[in-house]
Amino acid sequence: MEIEDTPATAGMLEKKLAAFRKVLIEVKCNVDTACTNGSQHAEQKKIHH
């Protein structure tokens, strides 16, 4: 499937990238809390998302 490089698709891609980065940051936070609070807490957080 070809996606045309239009401003609309560029905006969509930017939104997806922003959301993806947010998820990555959340995952990193989960990993950090897993290191401090034990892995049980982080596992529960992952399931809720």
PDB file of N, CA and C in Angstrom:
ATOM      1  N   MET A   1       0.841  -1.193   0.000  1.00  0.00           N
ATOM      2  CA  MET A   1       0.000   0.000   0.000  1.00  0.00           C
ATOM      3  C   MET A   1       0.881   1.250   0.000  1.00  0.00           C
ATOM      4  N   GLU A   2       0.707   2.086  -0.998  1.00  0.00           N
ATOM      5  CA  GLU A   2       1.497   3.312  -1.097  1.00  0.00           C
ATOM      6  C   GLU A   2       0.839   4.429  -0.298  1.00  0.00           C
ATOM      7  N   ILE A   3       1.635   5.143   0.450  1.00  0.00           N
ATOM      8  CA  ILE A   3       1.134   6.310   1.177  1.00  0.00           C
ATOM      9  C   ILE A   3       1.754   7.550   0.556  1.00  0.00           C
ATOM     10  N   GLU A   4       0.893   8.448   0.065  1.00  0.00           N
ATOM     11  CA  GLU A   4       1.397   9.686  -0.532  1.00  0.00           C
ATOM     12  C   GLU A   4       1.968  10.591   0.549  1.00  0.00           C
ATOM     13  N   ASP A   5       3.044  11.263   0.209  1.00  0.00           N
ATOM     14  CA  ASP A   5       3.683  12.157   1.170  1.00  0.00           C
ATOM     15  C   ASP A   5       3.019  13.529   1.114  1.00  0.00           C
ATOM     16  N   THR A   6       1.826  13.609   1.672  1.00  0.00           N
ATOM     17  CA  THR A   6       1.078  14.860   1.715  1.00  0.00           C
ATOM     18  C   THR A   6       1.158  15.434   3.126  1.00  0.00           C
ATOM     19  N   PRO A   7       0.856  16.707   3.289  1.00  0.00           N
ATOM     20  CA  PRO A   7       0.855  17.291   4.639  1.00  0.00           C
ATOM     21  C   PRO A   7      -0.041  16.523   5.608  1.00  0.00           C
ATOM     22  N   ALA A   8      -1.156  15.978   5.114  1.00  0.00           N
ATOM     23  CA  ALA A   8      -2.074  15.235   5.976  1.00  0.00           C
ATOM     24  C   ALA A   8      -1.405  13.980   6.522  1.00  0.00           C
ATOM     25  N   THR A   9      -0.745  13.222   5.642  1.00  0.00           N
ATOM     26  CA  THR A   9      -0.089  11.999   6.109  1.00  0.00           C
ATOM     27  C   THR A   9       1.105  12.334   6.995  1.00  0.00           C
ATOM     28  N   ALA A  10       1.783  13.429   6.697  1.00  0.00           N
ATOM     29  CA  ALA A  10       2.910  13.851   7.529  1.00  0.00           C
ATOM     30  C   ALA A  10       2.422  14.183   8.935  1.00  0.00           C
ATOM     31  N   GLY A  11       1.291  14.864   9.034  1.00  0.00           N
ATOM     32  CA  GLY A  11       0.710  15.183  10.327  1.00  0.00           C
ATOM     33  C   GLY A  11       0.302  13.930  11.081  1.00  0.00           C
ATOM     34  N   MET A  12      -0.301  12.982  10.354  1.00  0.00           N
ATOM     35  CA  MET A  12      -0.683  11.714  10.967  1.00  0.00           C
ATOM     36  C   MET A  12       0.547  10.991  11.498  1.00  0.00           C
ATOM     37  N   LEU A  13       1.607  10.983  10.702  1.00  0.00           N
ATOM     38  CA  LEU A  13       2.841  10.310  11.090  1.00  0.00           C
ATOM     39  C   LEU A  13       3.433  10.963  12.336  1.00  0.00           C
ATOM     40  N   GLU A  14       3.382  12.287  12.376  1.00  0.00           N
ATOM     41  CA  GLU A  14       3.904  13.000  13.542  1.00  0.00           C
ATOM     42  C   GLU A  14       3.125  12.641  14.792  1.00  0.00           C
ATOM     43  N   LYS A  15       1.792  12.554  14.658  1.00  0.00           N
ATOM     44  CA  LYS A  15       0.962  12.176  15.800  1.00  0.00           C
ATOM     45  C   LYS A  15       1.299  10.765  16.255  1.00  0.00           C
ATOM     46  N   LYS A  16       1.481   9.866  15.281  1.00  0.00           N
ATOM     47  CA  LYS A  16       1.828   8.487  15.624  1.00  0.00           C
ATOM     48  C   LYS A  16       3.173   8.430  16.324  1.00  0.00           C
ATOM     49  N   LEU A  17       4.135   9.204  15.827  1.00  0.00           N
ATOM     50  CA  LEU A  17       5.462   9.239  16.447  1.00  0.00           C
ATOM     51  C   LEU A  17       5.382   9.785  17.866  1.00  0.00           C
ATOM     52  N   ALA A  18       4.589  10.828  18.055  1.00  0.00           N
ATOM     53  CA  ALA A  18       4.428  11.409  19.383  1.00  0.00           C
ATOM     54  C   ALA A  18       3.812  10.388  20.336  1.00  0.00           C
ATOM     55  N   ALA A  19       2.784   9.680  19.863  1.00  0.00           N
ATOM     56  CA  ALA A  19       2.143   8.657  20.682  1.00  0.00           C
ATOM     57  C   ALA A  19       3.124   7.532  20.989  1.00  0.00           C
ATOM     58  N   PHE A  20       3.906   7.155  19.968  1.00  0.00           N
ATOM     59  CA  PHE A  20       4.890   6.088  20.140  1.00  0.00           C
ATOM     60  C   PHE A  20       5.936   6.478  21.178  1.00  0.00           C
ATOM     61  N   ARG A  21       6.394   7.727  21.102  1.00  0.00           N
ATOM     62  CA  ARG A  21       7.374   8.210  22.075  1.00  0.00           C
ATOM     63  C   ARG A  21       6.782   8.214  23.480  1.00  0.00           C
ATOM     64  N   LYS A  22       5.521   8.598  23.587  1.00  0.00           N
ATOM     65  CA  LYS A  22       4.845   8.600  24.881  1.00  0.00           C
ATOM     66  C   LYS A  22       4.812   7.190  25.463  1.00  0.00           C
ATOM     67  N   VAL A  23       4.504   6.219  24.603  1.00  0.00           N
ATOM     68  CA  VAL A  23       4.479   4.822  25.037  1.00  0.00           C
ATOM     69  C   VAL A  23       5.872   4.392  25.496  1.00  0.00           C
ATOM     70  N   LEU A  24       6.879   4.768  24.714  1.00  0.00           N
ATOM     71  CA  LEU A  24       8.257   4.410  25.084  1.00  0.00           C
ATOM     72  C   LEU A  24       8.622   4.996  26.442  1.00  0.00           C
ATOM     73  N   ILE A  25       8.235   6.245  26.674  1.00  0.00           N
ATOM     74  CA  ILE A  25       8.524   6.898  27.951  1.00  0.00           C
ATOM     75  C   ILE A  25       7.796   6.168  29.077  1.00  0.00           C
ATOM     76  N   GLU A  26       6.535   5.777  28.840  1.00  0.00           N
ATOM     77  CA  GLU A  26       5.774   5.034  29.846  1.00  0.00           C
ATOM     78  C   GLU A  26       6.443   3.710  30.156  1.00  0.00           C
ATOM     79  N   VAL A  27       6.884   3.022  29.103  1.00  0.00           N
ATOM     80  CA  VAL A  27       7.556   1.740  29.295  1.00  0.00           C
ATOM     81  C   VAL A  27       8.828   1.934  30.107  1.00  0.00           C
ATOM     82  N   LYS A  28       9.575   2.993  29.786  1.00  0.00           N
ATOM     83  CA  LYS A  28      10.800   3.281  30.530  1.00  0.00           C
ATOM     84  C   LYS A  28      10.472   3.550  31.996  1.00  0.00           C
ATOM     85  N   CYS A  29       9.410   4.280  32.256  1.00  0.00           N
ATOM     86  CA  CYS A  29       8.993   4.539  33.633  1.00  0.00           C
ATOM     87  C   CYS A  29       8.617   3.238  34.321  1.00  0.00           C
ATOM     88  N   ASN A  30       7.908   2.358  33.601  1.00  0.00           N
ATOM     89  CA  ASN A  30       7.543   1.060  34.161  1.00  0.00           C
ATOM     90  C   ASN A  30       8.782   0.256  34.510  1.00  0.00           C
ATOM     91  N   VAL A  31       9.778   0.306  33.633  1.00  0.00           N
ATOM     92  CA  VAL A  31      11.028  -0.415  33.886  1.00  0.00           C
ATOM     93  C   VAL A  31      11.722   0.173  35.110  1.00  0.00           C
ATOM     94  N   ASP A  32      11.720   1.494  35.194  1.00  0.00           N
ATOM     95  CA  ASP A  32      12.349   2.149  36.343  1.00  0.00           C
ATOM     96  C   ASP A  32      11.653   1.772  37.646  1.00  0.00           C
ATOM     97  N   THR A  33      10.320   1.761  37.649  1.00  0.00           N
ATOM     98  CA  THR A  33       9.593   1.394  38.862  1.00  0.00           C
ATOM     99  C   THR A  33       9.780  -0.084  39.160  1.00  0.00           C
ATOM    100  N   ALA A  34       9.920  -0.893  38.111  1.00  0.00           N
ATOM    101  CA  ALA A  34      10.174  -2.316  38.310  1.00  0.00           C
ATOM    102  C   ALA A  34      11.489  -2.510  39.057  1.00  0.00           C
ATOM    103  N   CYS A  35      12.476  -1.690  38.725  1.00  0.00           N
ATOM    104  CA  CYS A  35      13.782  -1.798  39.381  1.00  0.00           C
ATOM    105  C   CYS A  35      13.683  -1.396  40.848  1.00  0.00           C
ATOM    106  N   THR A  36      12.827  -0.424  41.168  1.00  0.00           N
ATOM    107  CA  THR A  36      12.757   0.078  42.535  1.00  0.00           C
ATOM    108  C   THR A  36      11.682  -0.639  43.351  1.00  0.00           C
ATOM    109  N   ASN A  37      10.525  -0.913  42.740  1.00  0.00           N
ATOM    110  CA  ASN A  37       9.393  -1.463  43.495  1.00  0.00           C
ATOM    111  C   ASN A  37       9.219  -2.962  43.316  1.00  0.00           C
ATOM    112  N   GLY A  38      10.047  -3.595  42.504  1.00  0.00           N
ATOM    113  CA  GLY A  38       9.827  -5.002  42.198  1.00  0.00           C
ATOM    114  C   GLY A  38       8.981  -5.125  40.953  1.00  0.00           C
ATOM    115  N   SER A  39       9.139  -6.214  40.215  1.00  0.00           N
ATOM    116  CA  SER A  39       8.545  -6.344  38.883  1.00  0.00           C
ATOM    117  C   SER A  39       7.028  -6.517  38.928  1.00  0.00           C
ATOM    118  N   GLN A  40       6.454  -6.945  40.037  1.00  0.00           N
ATOM    119  CA  GLN A  40       5.013  -7.209  40.116  1.00  0.00           C
ATOM    120  C   GLN A  40       4.207  -5.965  39.745  1.00  0.00           C
ATOM    121  N   HIS A  41       4.602  -4.825  40.288  1.00  0.00           N
ATOM    122  CA  HIS A  41       3.894  -3.561  40.078  1.00  0.00           C
ATOM    123  C   HIS A  41       3.888  -3.174  38.604  1.00  0.00           C
ATOM    124  N   ALA A  42       5.032  -3.290  37.947  1.00  0.00           N
ATOM    125  CA  ALA A  42       5.146  -2.908  36.543  1.00  0.00           C
ATOM    126  C   ALA A  42       4.318  -3.833  35.662  1.00  0.00           C
ATOM    127  N   GLU A  43       4.292  -5.124  35.980  1.00  0.00           N
ATOM    128  CA  GLU A  43       3.510  -6.079  35.190  1.00  0.00           C
ATOM    129  C   GLU A  43       2.034  -5.697  35.230  1.00  0.00           C
ATOM    130  N   GLN A  44       1.515  -5.356  36.383  1.00  0.00           N
ATOM    131  CA  GLN A  44       0.110  -4.970  36.505  1.00  0.00           C
ATOM    132  C   GLN A  44      -0.181  -3.727  35.674  1.00  0.00           C
ATOM    133  N   LYS A  45       0.716  -2.764  35.689  1.00  0.00           N
ATOM    134  CA  LYS A  45       0.546  -1.536  34.915  1.00  0.00           C
ATOM    135  C   LYS A  45       0.451  -1.839  33.427  1.00  0.00           C
ATOM    136  N   LYS A  46       1.313  -2.745  32.946  1.00  0.00           N
ATOM    137  CA  LYS A  46       1.344  -3.083  31.525  1.00  0.00           C
ATOM    138  C   LYS A  46       0.008  -3.667  31.081  1.00  0.00           C
ATOM    139  N   ILE A  47      -0.596  -4.521  31.911  1.00  0.00           N
ATOM    140  CA  ILE A  47      -1.839  -5.197  31.531  1.00  0.00           C
ATOM    141  C   ILE A  47      -2.974  -4.186  31.373  1.00  0.00           C
ATOM    142  N   HIS A  48      -2.994  -3.154  32.200  1.00  0.00           N
ATOM    143  CA  HIS A  48      -4.081  -2.174  32.152  1.00  0.00           C
ATOM    144  C   HIS A  48      -4.077  -1.353  30.879  1.00  0.00           C
ATOM    145  N   HIS A  49      -2.929  -1.148  30.239  1.00  0.00           N
ATOM    146  CA  HIS A  49      -2.846  -0.282  29.054  1.00  0.00           C
ATOM    147  C   HIS A  49      -3.342  -0.953  27.820  1.00  0.00           C
TER     148      HIS A  49
END
